Amino acid sequence: STRTMDFFMTDYICDLVARYQSKPQ
């Protein structure tokens, strides 16, 4: 379960980067 959560956060940071890159103003 911990490794699943760990890998999910690895994918989540990419999603977060894409949202921060073109954040609506």
PDBML (XML) file of the C-alpha atoms, coordinates in Angstrom:
<?xml version="1.0" encoding="UTF-8" ?>
<PDBx:datablock datablockName="MODEL"
   xmlns:PDBx="http://pdbml.pdb.org/schema/pdbx-v50.xsd"
   xmlns:xsi="http://www.w3.org/2001/XMLSchema-instance"
   xsi:schemaLocation="http://pdbml.pdb.org/schema/pdbx-v50.xsd pdbx-v50.xsd">
   <PDBx:atom_siteCategory>
      <PDBx:atom_site id="1">
         <PDBx:B_iso_or_equiv>0.00</PDBx:B_iso_or_equiv>
         <PDBx:Cartn_x>0.000</PDBx:Cartn_x>
         <PDBx:Cartn_y>0.000</PDBx:Cartn_y>
         <PDBx:Cartn_z>0.000</PDBx:Cartn_z>
         <PDBx:auth_asym_id>A</PDBx:auth_asym_id>
         <PDBx:auth_atom_id>CA</PDBx:auth_atom_id>
         <PDBx:auth_comp_id>SER</PDBx:auth_comp_id>
         <PDBx:auth_seq_id>1</PDBx:auth_seq_id>
         <PDBx:group_PDB>ATOM</PDBx:group_PDB>
         <PDBx:label_alt_id xsi:nil="true" />
         <PDBx:label_asym_id>A</PDBx:label_asym_id>
         <PDBx:label_atom_id>CA</PDBx:label_atom_id>
         <PDBx:label_comp_id>SER</PDBx:label_comp_id>
         <PDBx:label_entity_id>1</PDBx:label_entity_id>
         <PDBx:label_seq_id>1</PDBx:label_seq_id>
         <PDBx:occupancy>1.00</PDBx:occupancy>
         <PDBx:pdbx_PDB_model_num>1</PDBx:pdbx_PDB_model_num>
         <PDBx:type_symbol>C</PDBx:type_symbol>
      </PDBx:atom_site>
      <PDBx:atom_site id="2">
         <PDBx:B_iso_or_equiv>0.00</PDBx:B_iso_or_equiv>
         <PDBx:Cartn_x>2.855</PDBx:Cartn_x>
         <PDBx:Cartn_y>2.409</PDBx:Cartn_y>
         <PDBx:Cartn_z>0.765</PDBx:Cartn_z>
         <PDBx:auth_asym_id>A</PDBx:auth_asym_id>
         <PDBx:auth_atom_id>CA</PDBx:auth_atom_id>
         <PDBx:auth_comp_id>THR</PDBx:auth_comp_id>
         <PDBx:auth_seq_id>2</PDBx:auth_seq_id>
         <PDBx:group_PDB>ATOM</PDBx:group_PDB>
         <PDBx:label_alt_id xsi:nil="true" />
         <PDBx:label_asym_id>A</PDBx:label_asym_id>
         <PDBx:label_atom_id>CA</PDBx:label_atom_id>
         <PDBx:label_comp_id>THR</PDBx:label_comp_id>
         <PDBx:label_entity_id>1</PDBx:label_entity_id>
         <PDBx:label_seq_id>2</PDBx:label_seq_id>
         <PDBx:occupancy>1.00</PDBx:occupancy>
         <PDBx:pdbx_PDB_model_num>1</PDBx:pdbx_PDB_model_num>
         <PDBx:type_symbol>C</PDBx:type_symbol>
      </PDBx:atom_site>
      <PDBx:atom_site id="3">
         <PDBx:B_iso_or_equiv>0.00</PDBx:B_iso_or_equiv>
         <PDBx:Cartn_x>4.588</PDBx:Cartn_x>
         <PDBx:Cartn_y>1.757</PDBx:Cartn_y>
         <PDBx:Cartn_z>-2.541</PDBx:Cartn_z>
         <PDBx:auth_asym_id>A</PDBx:auth_asym_id>
         <PDBx:auth_atom_id>CA</PDBx:auth_atom_id>
         <PDBx:auth_comp_id>ARG</PDBx:auth_comp_id>
         <PDBx:auth_seq_id>3</PDBx:auth_seq_id>
         <PDBx:group_PDB>ATOM</PDBx:group_PDB>
         <PDBx:label_alt_id xsi:nil="true" />
         <PDBx:label_asym_id>A</PDBx:label_asym_id>
         <PDBx:label_atom_id>CA</PDBx:label_atom_id>
         <PDBx:label_comp_id>ARG</PDBx:label_comp_id>
         <PDBx:label_entity_id>1</PDBx:label_entity_id>
         <PDBx:label_seq_id>3</PDBx:label_seq_id>
         <PDBx:occupancy>1.00</PDBx:occupancy>
         <PDBx:pdbx_PDB_model_num>1</PDBx:pdbx_PDB_model_num>
         <PDBx:type_symbol>C</PDBx:type_symbol>
      </PDBx:atom_site>
      <PDBx:atom_site id="4">
         <PDBx:B_iso_or_equiv>0.00</PDBx:B_iso_or_equiv>
         <PDBx:Cartn_x>1.290</PDBx:Cartn_x>
         <PDBx:Cartn_y>2.325</PDBx:Cartn_y>
         <PDBx:Cartn_z>-4.346</PDBx:Cartn_z>
         <PDBx:auth_asym_id>A</PDBx:auth_asym_id>
         <PDBx:auth_atom_id>CA</PDBx:auth_atom_id>
         <PDBx:auth_comp_id>THR</PDBx:auth_comp_id>
         <PDBx:auth_seq_id>4</PDBx:auth_seq_id>
         <PDBx:group_PDB>ATOM</PDBx:group_PDB>
         <PDBx:label_alt_id xsi:nil="true" />
         <PDBx:label_asym_id>A</PDBx:label_asym_id>
         <PDBx:label_atom_id>CA</PDBx:label_atom_id>
         <PDBx:label_comp_id>THR</PDBx:label_comp_id>
         <PDBx:label_entity_id>1</PDBx:label_entity_id>
         <PDBx:label_seq_id>4</PDBx:label_seq_id>
         <PDBx:occupancy>1.00</PDBx:occupancy>
         <PDBx:pdbx_PDB_model_num>1</PDBx:pdbx_PDB_model_num>
         <PDBx:type_symbol>C</PDBx:type_symbol>
      </PDBx:atom_site>
      <PDBx:atom_site id="5">
         <PDBx:B_iso_or_equiv>0.00</PDBx:B_iso_or_equiv>
         <PDBx:Cartn_x>0.880</PDBx:Cartn_x>
         <PDBx:Cartn_y>5.674</PDBx:Cartn_y>
         <PDBx:Cartn_z>-2.598</PDBx:Cartn_z>
         <PDBx:auth_asym_id>A</PDBx:auth_asym_id>
         <PDBx:auth_atom_id>CA</PDBx:auth_atom_id>
         <PDBx:auth_comp_id>MET</PDBx:auth_comp_id>
         <PDBx:auth_seq_id>5</PDBx:auth_seq_id>
         <PDBx:group_PDB>ATOM</PDBx:group_PDB>
         <PDBx:label_alt_id xsi:nil="true" />
         <PDBx:label_asym_id>A</PDBx:label_asym_id>
         <PDBx:label_atom_id>CA</PDBx:label_atom_id>
         <PDBx:label_comp_id>MET</PDBx:label_comp_id>
         <PDBx:label_entity_id>1</PDBx:label_entity_id>
         <PDBx:label_seq_id>5</PDBx:label_seq_id>
         <PDBx:occupancy>1.00</PDBx:occupancy>
         <PDBx:pdbx_PDB_model_num>1</PDBx:pdbx_PDB_model_num>
         <PDBx:type_symbol>C</PDBx:type_symbol>
      </PDBx:atom_site>
      <PDBx:atom_site id="6">
         <PDBx:B_iso_or_equiv>0.00</PDBx:B_iso_or_equiv>
         <PDBx:Cartn_x>4.510</PDBx:Cartn_x>
         <PDBx:Cartn_y>6.530</PDBx:Cartn_y>
         <PDBx:Cartn_z>-3.318</PDBx:Cartn_z>
         <PDBx:auth_asym_id>A</PDBx:auth_asym_id>
         <PDBx:auth_atom_id>CA</PDBx:auth_atom_id>
         <PDBx:auth_comp_id>ASP</PDBx:auth_comp_id>
         <PDBx:auth_seq_id>6</PDBx:auth_seq_id>
         <PDBx:group_PDB>ATOM</PDBx:group_PDB>
         <PDBx:label_alt_id xsi:nil="true" />
         <PDBx:label_asym_id>A</PDBx:label_asym_id>
         <PDBx:label_atom_id>CA</PDBx:label_atom_id>
         <PDBx:label_comp_id>ASP</PDBx:label_comp_id>
         <PDBx:label_entity_id>1</PDBx:label_entity_id>
         <PDBx:label_seq_id>6</PDBx:label_seq_id>
         <PDBx:occupancy>1.00</PDBx:occupancy>
         <PDBx:pdbx_PDB_model_num>1</PDBx:pdbx_PDB_model_num>
         <PDBx:type_symbol>C</PDBx:type_symbol>
      </PDBx:atom_site>
      <PDBx:atom_site id="7">
         <PDBx:B_iso_or_equiv>0.00</PDBx:B_iso_or_equiv>
         <PDBx:Cartn_x>4.134</PDBx:Cartn_x>
         <PDBx:Cartn_y>5.887</PDBx:Cartn_y>
         <PDBx:Cartn_z>-7.052</PDBx:Cartn_z>
         <PDBx:auth_asym_id>A</PDBx:auth_asym_id>
         <PDBx:auth_atom_id>CA</PDBx:auth_atom_id>
         <PDBx:auth_comp_id>PHE</PDBx:auth_comp_id>
         <PDBx:auth_seq_id>7</PDBx:auth_seq_id>
         <PDBx:group_PDB>ATOM</PDBx:group_PDB>
         <PDBx:label_alt_id xsi:nil="true" />
         <PDBx:label_asym_id>A</PDBx:label_asym_id>
         <PDBx:label_atom_id>CA</PDBx:label_atom_id>
         <PDBx:label_comp_id>PHE</PDBx:label_comp_id>
         <PDBx:label_entity_id>1</PDBx:label_entity_id>
         <PDBx:label_seq_id>7</PDBx:label_seq_id>
         <PDBx:occupancy>1.00</PDBx:occupancy>
         <PDBx:pdbx_PDB_model_num>1</PDBx:pdbx_PDB_model_num>
         <PDBx:type_symbol>C</PDBx:type_symbol>
      </PDBx:atom_site>
      <PDBx:atom_site id="8">
         <PDBx:B_iso_or_equiv>0.00</PDBx:B_iso_or_equiv>
         <PDBx:Cartn_x>0.842</PDBx:Cartn_x>
         <PDBx:Cartn_y>7.785</PDBx:Cartn_y>
         <PDBx:Cartn_z>-7.163</PDBx:Cartn_z>
         <PDBx:auth_asym_id>A</PDBx:auth_asym_id>
         <PDBx:auth_atom_id>CA</PDBx:auth_atom_id>
         <PDBx:auth_comp_id>PHE</PDBx:auth_comp_id>
         <PDBx:auth_seq_id>8</PDBx:auth_seq_id>
         <PDBx:group_PDB>ATOM</PDBx:group_PDB>
         <PDBx:label_alt_id xsi:nil="true" />
         <PDBx:label_asym_id>A</PDBx:label_asym_id>
         <PDBx:label_atom_id>CA</PDBx:label_atom_id>
         <PDBx:label_comp_id>PHE</PDBx:label_comp_id>
         <PDBx:label_entity_id>1</PDBx:label_entity_id>
         <PDBx:label_seq_id>8</PDBx:label_seq_id>
         <PDBx:occupancy>1.00</PDBx:occupancy>
         <PDBx:pdbx_PDB_model_num>1</PDBx:pdbx_PDB_model_num>
         <PDBx:type_symbol>C</PDBx:type_symbol>
      </PDBx:atom_site>
      <PDBx:atom_site id="9">
         <PDBx:B_iso_or_equiv>0.00</PDBx:B_iso_or_equiv>
         <PDBx:Cartn_x>2.558</PDBx:Cartn_x>
         <PDBx:Cartn_y>10.886</PDBx:Cartn_y>
         <PDBx:Cartn_z>-5.785</PDBx:Cartn_z>
         <PDBx:auth_asym_id>A</PDBx:auth_asym_id>
         <PDBx:auth_atom_id>CA</PDBx:auth_atom_id>
         <PDBx:auth_comp_id>MET</PDBx:auth_comp_id>
         <PDBx:auth_seq_id>9</PDBx:auth_seq_id>
         <PDBx:group_PDB>ATOM</PDBx:group_PDB>
         <PDBx:label_alt_id xsi:nil="true" />
         <PDBx:label_asym_id>A</PDBx:label_asym_id>
         <PDBx:label_atom_id>CA</PDBx:label_atom_id>
         <PDBx:label_comp_id>MET</PDBx:label_comp_id>
         <PDBx:label_entity_id>1</PDBx:label_entity_id>
         <PDBx:label_seq_id>9</PDBx:label_seq_id>
         <PDBx:occupancy>1.00</PDBx:occupancy>
         <PDBx:pdbx_PDB_model_num>1</PDBx:pdbx_PDB_model_num>
         <PDBx:type_symbol>C</PDBx:type_symbol>
      </PDBx:atom_site>
      <PDBx:atom_site id="10">
         <PDBx:B_iso_or_equiv>0.00</PDBx:B_iso_or_equiv>
         <PDBx:Cartn_x>5.187</PDBx:Cartn_x>
         <PDBx:Cartn_y>10.553</PDBx:Cartn_y>
         <PDBx:Cartn_z>-8.531</PDBx:Cartn_z>
         <PDBx:auth_asym_id>A</PDBx:auth_asym_id>
         <PDBx:auth_atom_id>CA</PDBx:auth_atom_id>
         <PDBx:auth_comp_id>THR</PDBx:auth_comp_id>
         <PDBx:auth_seq_id>10</PDBx:auth_seq_id>
         <PDBx:group_PDB>ATOM</PDBx:group_PDB>
         <PDBx:label_alt_id xsi:nil="true" />
         <PDBx:label_asym_id>A</PDBx:label_asym_id>
         <PDBx:label_atom_id>CA</PDBx:label_atom_id>
         <PDBx:label_comp_id>THR</PDBx:label_comp_id>
         <PDBx:label_entity_id>1</PDBx:label_entity_id>
         <PDBx:label_seq_id>10</PDBx:label_seq_id>
         <PDBx:occupancy>1.00</PDBx:occupancy>
         <PDBx:pdbx_PDB_model_num>1</PDBx:pdbx_PDB_model_num>
         <PDBx:type_symbol>C</PDBx:type_symbol>
      </PDBx:atom_site>
      <PDBx:atom_site id="11">
         <PDBx:B_iso_or_equiv>0.00</PDBx:B_iso_or_equiv>
         <PDBx:Cartn_x>2.427</PDBx:Cartn_x>
         <PDBx:Cartn_y>10.825</PDBx:Cartn_y>
         <PDBx:Cartn_z>-11.137</PDBx:Cartn_z>
         <PDBx:auth_asym_id>A</PDBx:auth_asym_id>
         <PDBx:auth_atom_id>CA</PDBx:auth_atom_id>
         <PDBx:auth_comp_id>ASP</PDBx:auth_comp_id>
         <PDBx:auth_seq_id>11</PDBx:auth_seq_id>
         <PDBx:group_PDB>ATOM</PDBx:group_PDB>
         <PDBx:label_alt_id xsi:nil="true" />
         <PDBx:label_asym_id>A</PDBx:label_asym_id>
         <PDBx:label_atom_id>CA</PDBx:label_atom_id>
         <PDBx:label_comp_id>ASP</PDBx:label_comp_id>
         <PDBx:label_entity_id>1</PDBx:label_entity_id>
         <PDBx:label_seq_id>11</PDBx:label_seq_id>
         <PDBx:occupancy>1.00</PDBx:occupancy>
         <PDBx:pdbx_PDB_model_num>1</PDBx:pdbx_PDB_model_num>
         <PDBx:type_symbol>C</PDBx:type_symbol>
      </PDBx:atom_site>
      <PDBx:atom_site id="12">
         <PDBx:B_iso_or_equiv>0.00</PDBx:B_iso_or_equiv>
         <PDBx:Cartn_x>0.642</PDBx:Cartn_x>
         <PDBx:Cartn_y>13.523</PDBx:Cartn_y>
         <PDBx:Cartn_z>-9.159</PDBx:Cartn_z>
         <PDBx:auth_asym_id>A</PDBx:auth_asym_id>
         <PDBx:auth_atom_id>CA</PDBx:auth_atom_id>
         <PDBx:auth_comp_id>TYR</PDBx:auth_comp_id>
         <PDBx:auth_seq_id>12</PDBx:auth_seq_id>
         <PDBx:group_PDB>ATOM</PDBx:group_PDB>
         <PDBx:label_alt_id xsi:nil="true" />
         <PDBx:label_asym_id>A</PDBx:label_asym_id>
         <PDBx:label_atom_id>CA</PDBx:label_atom_id>
         <PDBx:label_comp_id>TYR</PDBx:label_comp_id>
         <PDBx:label_entity_id>1</PDBx:label_entity_id>
         <PDBx:label_seq_id>12</PDBx:label_seq_id>
         <PDBx:occupancy>1.00</PDBx:occupancy>
         <PDBx:pdbx_PDB_model_num>1</PDBx:pdbx_PDB_model_num>
         <PDBx:type_symbol>C</PDBx:type_symbol>
      </PDBx:atom_site>
      <PDBx:atom_site id="13">
         <PDBx:B_iso_or_equiv>0.00</PDBx:B_iso_or_equiv>
         <PDBx:Cartn_x>3.624</PDBx:Cartn_x>
         <PDBx:Cartn_y>15.893</PDBx:Cartn_y>
         <PDBx:Cartn_z>-9.212</PDBx:Cartn_z>
         <PDBx:auth_asym_id>A</PDBx:auth_asym_id>
         <PDBx:auth_atom_id>CA</PDBx:auth_atom_id>
         <PDBx:auth_comp_id>ILE</PDBx:auth_comp_id>
         <PDBx:auth_seq_id>13</PDBx:auth_seq_id>
         <PDBx:group_PDB>ATOM</PDBx:group_PDB>
         <PDBx:label_alt_id xsi:nil="true" />
         <PDBx:label_asym_id>A</PDBx:label_asym_id>
         <PDBx:label_atom_id>CA</PDBx:label_atom_id>
         <PDBx:label_comp_id>ILE</PDBx:label_comp_id>
         <PDBx:label_entity_id>1</PDBx:label_entity_id>
         <PDBx:label_seq_id>13</PDBx:label_seq_id>
         <PDBx:occupancy>1.00</PDBx:occupancy>
         <PDBx:pdbx_PDB_model_num>1</PDBx:pdbx_PDB_model_num>
         <PDBx:type_symbol>C</PDBx:type_symbol>
      </PDBx:atom_site>
      <PDBx:atom_site id="14">
         <PDBx:B_iso_or_equiv>0.00</PDBx:B_iso_or_equiv>
         <PDBx:Cartn_x>3.609</PDBx:Cartn_x>
         <PDBx:Cartn_y>15.822</PDBx:Cartn_y>
         <PDBx:Cartn_z>-13.035</PDBx:Cartn_z>
         <PDBx:auth_asym_id>A</PDBx:auth_asym_id>
         <PDBx:auth_atom_id>CA</PDBx:auth_atom_id>
         <PDBx:auth_comp_id>CYS</PDBx:auth_comp_id>
         <PDBx:auth_seq_id>14</PDBx:auth_seq_id>
         <PDBx:group_PDB>ATOM</PDBx:group_PDB>
         <PDBx:label_alt_id xsi:nil="true" />
         <PDBx:label_asym_id>A</PDBx:label_asym_id>
         <PDBx:label_atom_id>CA</PDBx:label_atom_id>
         <PDBx:label_comp_id>CYS</PDBx:label_comp_id>
         <PDBx:label_entity_id>1</PDBx:label_entity_id>
         <PDBx:label_seq_id>14</PDBx:label_seq_id>
         <PDBx:occupancy>1.00</PDBx:occupancy>
         <PDBx:pdbx_PDB_model_num>1</PDBx:pdbx_PDB_model_num>
         <PDBx:type_symbol>C</PDBx:type_symbol>
      </PDBx:atom_site>
      <PDBx:atom_site id="15">
         <PDBx:B_iso_or_equiv>0.00</PDBx:B_iso_or_equiv>
         <PDBx:Cartn_x>-0.072</PDBx:Cartn_x>
         <PDBx:Cartn_y>16.698</PDBx:Cartn_y>
         <PDBx:Cartn_z>-13.043</PDBx:Cartn_z>
         <PDBx:auth_asym_id>A</PDBx:auth_asym_id>
         <PDBx:auth_atom_id>CA</PDBx:auth_atom_id>
         <PDBx:auth_comp_id>ASP</PDBx:auth_comp_id>
         <PDBx:auth_seq_id>15</PDBx:auth_seq_id>
         <PDBx:group_PDB>ATOM</PDBx:group_PDB>
         <PDBx:label_alt_id xsi:nil="true" />
         <PDBx:label_asym_id>A</PDBx:label_asym_id>
         <PDBx:label_atom_id>CA</PDBx:label_atom_id>
         <PDBx:label_comp_id>ASP</PDBx:label_comp_id>
         <PDBx:label_entity_id>1</PDBx:label_entity_id>
         <PDBx:label_seq_id>15</PDBx:label_seq_id>
         <PDBx:occupancy>1.00</PDBx:occupancy>
         <PDBx:pdbx_PDB_model_num>1</PDBx:pdbx_PDB_model_num>
         <PDBx:type_symbol>C</PDBx:type_symbol>
      </PDBx:atom_site>
      <PDBx:atom_site id="16">
         <PDBx:B_iso_or_equiv>0.00</PDBx:B_iso_or_equiv>
         <PDBx:Cartn_x>0.635</PDBx:Cartn_x>
         <PDBx:Cartn_y>19.507</PDBx:Cartn_y>
         <PDBx:Cartn_z>-10.584</PDBx:Cartn_z>
         <PDBx:auth_asym_id>A</PDBx:auth_asym_id>
         <PDBx:auth_atom_id>CA</PDBx:auth_atom_id>
         <PDBx:auth_comp_id>LEU</PDBx:auth_comp_id>
         <PDBx:auth_seq_id>16</PDBx:auth_seq_id>
         <PDBx:group_PDB>ATOM</PDBx:group_PDB>
         <PDBx:label_alt_id xsi:nil="true" />
         <PDBx:label_asym_id>A</PDBx:label_asym_id>
         <PDBx:label_atom_id>CA</PDBx:label_atom_id>
         <PDBx:label_comp_id>LEU</PDBx:label_comp_id>
         <PDBx:label_entity_id>1</PDBx:label_entity_id>
         <PDBx:label_seq_id>16</PDBx:label_seq_id>
         <PDBx:occupancy>1.00</PDBx:occupancy>
         <PDBx:pdbx_PDB_model_num>1</PDBx:pdbx_PDB_model_num>
         <PDBx:type_symbol>C</PDBx:type_symbol>
      </PDBx:atom_site>
      <PDBx:atom_site id="17">
         <PDBx:B_iso_or_equiv>0.00</PDBx:B_iso_or_equiv>
         <PDBx:Cartn_x>3.475</PDBx:Cartn_x>
         <PDBx:Cartn_y>20.889</PDBx:Cartn_y>
         <PDBx:Cartn_z>-12.717</PDBx:Cartn_z>
         <PDBx:auth_asym_id>A</PDBx:auth_asym_id>
         <PDBx:auth_atom_id>CA</PDBx:auth_atom_id>
         <PDBx:auth_comp_id>VAL</PDBx:auth_comp_id>
         <PDBx:auth_seq_id>17</PDBx:auth_seq_id>
         <PDBx:group_PDB>ATOM</PDBx:group_PDB>
         <PDBx:label_alt_id xsi:nil="true" />
         <PDBx:label_asym_id>A</PDBx:label_asym_id>
         <PDBx:label_atom_id>CA</PDBx:label_atom_id>
         <PDBx:label_comp_id>VAL</PDBx:label_comp_id>
         <PDBx:label_entity_id>1</PDBx:label_entity_id>
         <PDBx:label_seq_id>17</PDBx:label_seq_id>
         <PDBx:occupancy>1.00</PDBx:occupancy>
         <PDBx:pdbx_PDB_model_num>1</PDBx:pdbx_PDB_model_num>
         <PDBx:type_symbol>C</PDBx:type_symbol>
      </PDBx:atom_site>
      <PDBx:atom_site id="18">
         <PDBx:B_iso_or_equiv>0.00</PDBx:B_iso_or_equiv>
         <PDBx:Cartn_x>1.210</PDBx:Cartn_x>
         <PDBx:Cartn_y>21.011</PDBx:Cartn_y>
         <PDBx:Cartn_z>-15.779</PDBx:Cartn_z>
         <PDBx:auth_asym_id>A</PDBx:auth_asym_id>
         <PDBx:auth_atom_id>CA</PDBx:auth_atom_id>
         <PDBx:auth_comp_id>ALA</PDBx:auth_comp_id>
         <PDBx:auth_seq_id>18</PDBx:auth_seq_id>
         <PDBx:group_PDB>ATOM</PDBx:group_PDB>
         <PDBx:label_alt_id xsi:nil="true" />
         <PDBx:label_asym_id>A</PDBx:label_asym_id>
         <PDBx:label_atom_id>CA</PDBx:label_atom_id>
         <PDBx:label_comp_id>ALA</PDBx:label_comp_id>
         <PDBx:label_entity_id>1</PDBx:label_entity_id>
         <PDBx:label_seq_id>18</PDBx:label_seq_id>
         <PDBx:occupancy>1.00</PDBx:occupancy>
         <PDBx:pdbx_PDB_model_num>1</PDBx:pdbx_PDB_model_num>
         <PDBx:type_symbol>C</PDBx:type_symbol>
      </PDBx:atom_site>
      <PDBx:atom_site id="19">
         <PDBx:B_iso_or_equiv>0.00</PDBx:B_iso_or_equiv>
         <PDBx:Cartn_x>-1.460</PDBx:Cartn_x>
         <PDBx:Cartn_y>22.915</PDBx:Cartn_y>
         <PDBx:Cartn_z>-13.833</PDBx:Cartn_z>
         <PDBx:auth_asym_id>A</PDBx:auth_asym_id>
         <PDBx:auth_atom_id>CA</PDBx:auth_atom_id>
         <PDBx:auth_comp_id>ARG</PDBx:auth_comp_id>
         <PDBx:auth_seq_id>19</PDBx:auth_seq_id>
         <PDBx:group_PDB>ATOM</PDBx:group_PDB>
         <PDBx:label_alt_id xsi:nil="true" />
         <PDBx:label_asym_id>A</PDBx:label_asym_id>
         <PDBx:label_atom_id>CA</PDBx:label_atom_id>
         <PDBx:label_comp_id>ARG</PDBx:label_comp_id>
         <PDBx:label_entity_id>1</PDBx:label_entity_id>
         <PDBx:label_seq_id>19</PDBx:label_seq_id>
         <PDBx:occupancy>1.00</PDBx:occupancy>
         <PDBx:pdbx_PDB_model_num>1</PDBx:pdbx_PDB_model_num>
         <PDBx:type_symbol>C</PDBx:type_symbol>
      </PDBx:atom_site>
      <PDBx:atom_site id="20">
         <PDBx:B_iso_or_equiv>0.00</PDBx:B_iso_or_equiv>
         <PDBx:Cartn_x>1.025</PDBx:Cartn_x>
         <PDBx:Cartn_y>25.374</PDBx:Cartn_y>
         <PDBx:Cartn_z>-12.315</PDBx:Cartn_z>
         <PDBx:auth_asym_id>A</PDBx:auth_asym_id>
         <PDBx:auth_atom_id>CA</PDBx:auth_atom_id>
         <PDBx:auth_comp_id>TYR</PDBx:auth_comp_id>
         <PDBx:auth_seq_id>20</PDBx:auth_seq_id>
         <PDBx:group_PDB>ATOM</PDBx:group_PDB>
         <PDBx:label_alt_id xsi:nil="true" />
         <PDBx:label_asym_id>A</PDBx:label_asym_id>
         <PDBx:label_atom_id>CA</PDBx:label_atom_id>
         <PDBx:label_comp_id>TYR</PDBx:label_comp_id>
         <PDBx:label_entity_id>1</PDBx:label_entity_id>
         <PDBx:label_seq_id>20</PDBx:label_seq_id>
         <PDBx:occupancy>1.00</PDBx:occupancy>
         <PDBx:pdbx_PDB_model_num>1</PDBx:pdbx_PDB_model_num>
         <PDBx:type_symbol>C</PDBx:type_symbol>
      </PDBx:atom_site>
      <PDBx:atom_site id="21">
         <PDBx:B_iso_or_equiv>0.00</PDBx:B_iso_or_equiv>
         <PDBx:Cartn_x>2.639</PDBx:Cartn_x>
         <PDBx:Cartn_y>25.987</PDBx:Cartn_y>
         <PDBx:Cartn_z>-15.715</PDBx:Cartn_z>
         <PDBx:auth_asym_id>A</PDBx:auth_asym_id>
         <PDBx:auth_atom_id>CA</PDBx:auth_atom_id>
         <PDBx:auth_comp_id>GLN</PDBx:auth_comp_id>
         <PDBx:auth_seq_id>21</PDBx:auth_seq_id>
         <PDBx:group_PDB>ATOM</PDBx:group_PDB>
         <PDBx:label_alt_id xsi:nil="true" />
         <PDBx:label_asym_id>A</PDBx:label_asym_id>
         <PDBx:label_atom_id>CA</PDBx:label_atom_id>
         <PDBx:label_comp_id>GLN</PDBx:label_comp_id>
         <PDBx:label_entity_id>1</PDBx:label_entity_id>
         <PDBx:label_seq_id>21</PDBx:label_seq_id>
         <PDBx:occupancy>1.00</PDBx:occupancy>
         <PDBx:pdbx_PDB_model_num>1</PDBx:pdbx_PDB_model_num>
         <PDBx:type_symbol>C</PDBx:type_symbol>
      </PDBx:atom_site>
      <PDBx:atom_site id="22">
         <PDBx:B_iso_or_equiv>0.00</PDBx:B_iso_or_equiv>
         <PDBx:Cartn_x>-0.538</PDBx:Cartn_x>
         <PDBx:Cartn_y>27.432</PDBx:Cartn_y>
         <PDBx:Cartn_z>-17.241</PDBx:Cartn_z>
         <PDBx:auth_asym_id>A</PDBx:auth_asym_id>
         <PDBx:auth_atom_id>CA</PDBx:auth_atom_id>
         <PDBx:auth_comp_id>SER</PDBx:auth_comp_id>
         <PDBx:auth_seq_id>22</PDBx:auth_seq_id>
         <PDBx:group_PDB>ATOM</PDBx:group_PDB>
         <PDBx:label_alt_id xsi:nil="true" />
         <PDBx:label_asym_id>A</PDBx:label_asym_id>
         <PDBx:label_atom_id>CA</PDBx:label_atom_id>
         <PDBx:label_comp_id>SER</PDBx:label_comp_id>
         <PDBx:label_entity_id>1</PDBx:label_entity_id>
         <PDBx:label_seq_id>22</PDBx:label_seq_id>
         <PDBx:occupancy>1.00</PDBx:occupancy>
         <PDBx:pdbx_PDB_model_num>1</PDBx:pdbx_PDB_model_num>
         <PDBx:type_symbol>C</PDBx:type_symbol>
      </PDBx:atom_site>
      <PDBx:atom_site id="23">
         <PDBx:B_iso_or_equiv>0.00</PDBx:B_iso_or_equiv>
         <PDBx:Cartn_x>-2.424</PDBx:Cartn_x>
         <PDBx:Cartn_y>28.624</PDBx:Cartn_y>
         <PDBx:Cartn_z>-14.181</PDBx:Cartn_z>
         <PDBx:auth_asym_id>A</PDBx:auth_asym_id>
         <PDBx:auth_atom_id>CA</PDBx:auth_atom_id>
         <PDBx:auth_comp_id>LYS</PDBx:auth_comp_id>
         <PDBx:auth_seq_id>23</PDBx:auth_seq_id>
         <PDBx:group_PDB>ATOM</PDBx:group_PDB>
         <PDBx:label_alt_id xsi:nil="true" />
         <PDBx:label_asym_id>A</PDBx:label_asym_id>
         <PDBx:label_atom_id>CA</PDBx:label_atom_id>
         <PDBx:label_comp_id>LYS</PDBx:label_comp_id>
         <PDBx:label_entity_id>1</PDBx:label_entity_id>
         <PDBx:label_seq_id>23</PDBx:label_seq_id>
         <PDBx:occupancy>1.00</PDBx:occupancy>
         <PDBx:pdbx_PDB_model_num>1</PDBx:pdbx_PDB_model_num>
         <PDBx:type_symbol>C</PDBx:type_symbol>
      </PDBx:atom_site>
      <PDBx:atom_site id="24">
         <PDBx:B_iso_or_equiv>0.00</PDBx:B_iso_or_equiv>
         <PDBx:Cartn_x>-5.415</PDBx:Cartn_x>
         <PDBx:Cartn_y>30.828</PDBx:Cartn_y>
         <PDBx:Cartn_z>-15.152</PDBx:Cartn_z>
         <PDBx:auth_asym_id>A</PDBx:auth_asym_id>
         <PDBx:auth_atom_id>CA</PDBx:auth_atom_id>
         <PDBx:auth_comp_id>PRO</PDBx:auth_comp_id>
         <PDBx:auth_seq_id>24</PDBx:auth_seq_id>
         <PDBx:group_PDB>ATOM</PDBx:group_PDB>
         <PDBx:label_alt_id xsi:nil="true" />
         <PDBx:label_asym_id>A</PDBx:label_asym_id>
         <PDBx:label_atom_id>CA</PDBx:label_atom_id>
         <PDBx:label_comp_id>PRO</PDBx:label_comp_id>
         <PDBx:label_entity_id>1</PDBx:label_entity_id>
         <PDBx:label_seq_id>24</PDBx:label_seq_id>
         <PDBx:occupancy>1.00</PDBx:occupancy>
         <PDBx:pdbx_PDB_model_num>1</PDBx:pdbx_PDB_model_num>
         <PDBx:type_symbol>C</PDBx:type_symbol>
      </PDBx:atom_site>
      <PDBx:atom_site id="25">
         <PDBx:B_iso_or_equiv>0.00</PDBx:B_iso_or_equiv>
         <PDBx:Cartn_x>-5.113</PDBx:Cartn_x>
         <PDBx:Cartn_y>34.497</PDBx:Cartn_y>
         <PDBx:Cartn_z>-14.206</PDBx:Cartn_z>
         <PDBx:auth_asym_id>A</PDBx:auth_asym_id>
         <PDBx:auth_atom_id>CA</PDBx:auth_atom_id>
         <PDBx:auth_comp_id>GLN</PDBx:auth_comp_id>
         <PDBx:auth_seq_id>25</PDBx:auth_seq_id>
         <PDBx:group_PDB>ATOM</PDBx:group_PDB>
         <PDBx:label_alt_id xsi:nil="true" />
         <PDBx:label_asym_id>A</PDBx:label_asym_id>
         <PDBx:label_atom_id>CA</PDBx:label_atom_id>
         <PDBx:label_comp_id>GLN</PDBx:label_comp_id>
         <PDBx:label_entity_id>1</PDBx:label_entity_id>
         <PDBx:label_seq_id>25</PDBx:label_seq_id>
         <PDBx:occupancy>1.00</PDBx:occupancy>
         <PDBx:pdbx_PDB_model_num>1</PDBx:pdbx_PDB_model_num>
         <PDBx:type_symbol>C</PDBx:type_symbol>
      </PDBx:atom_site>
   </PDBx:atom_siteCategory>
</PDBx:datablock>
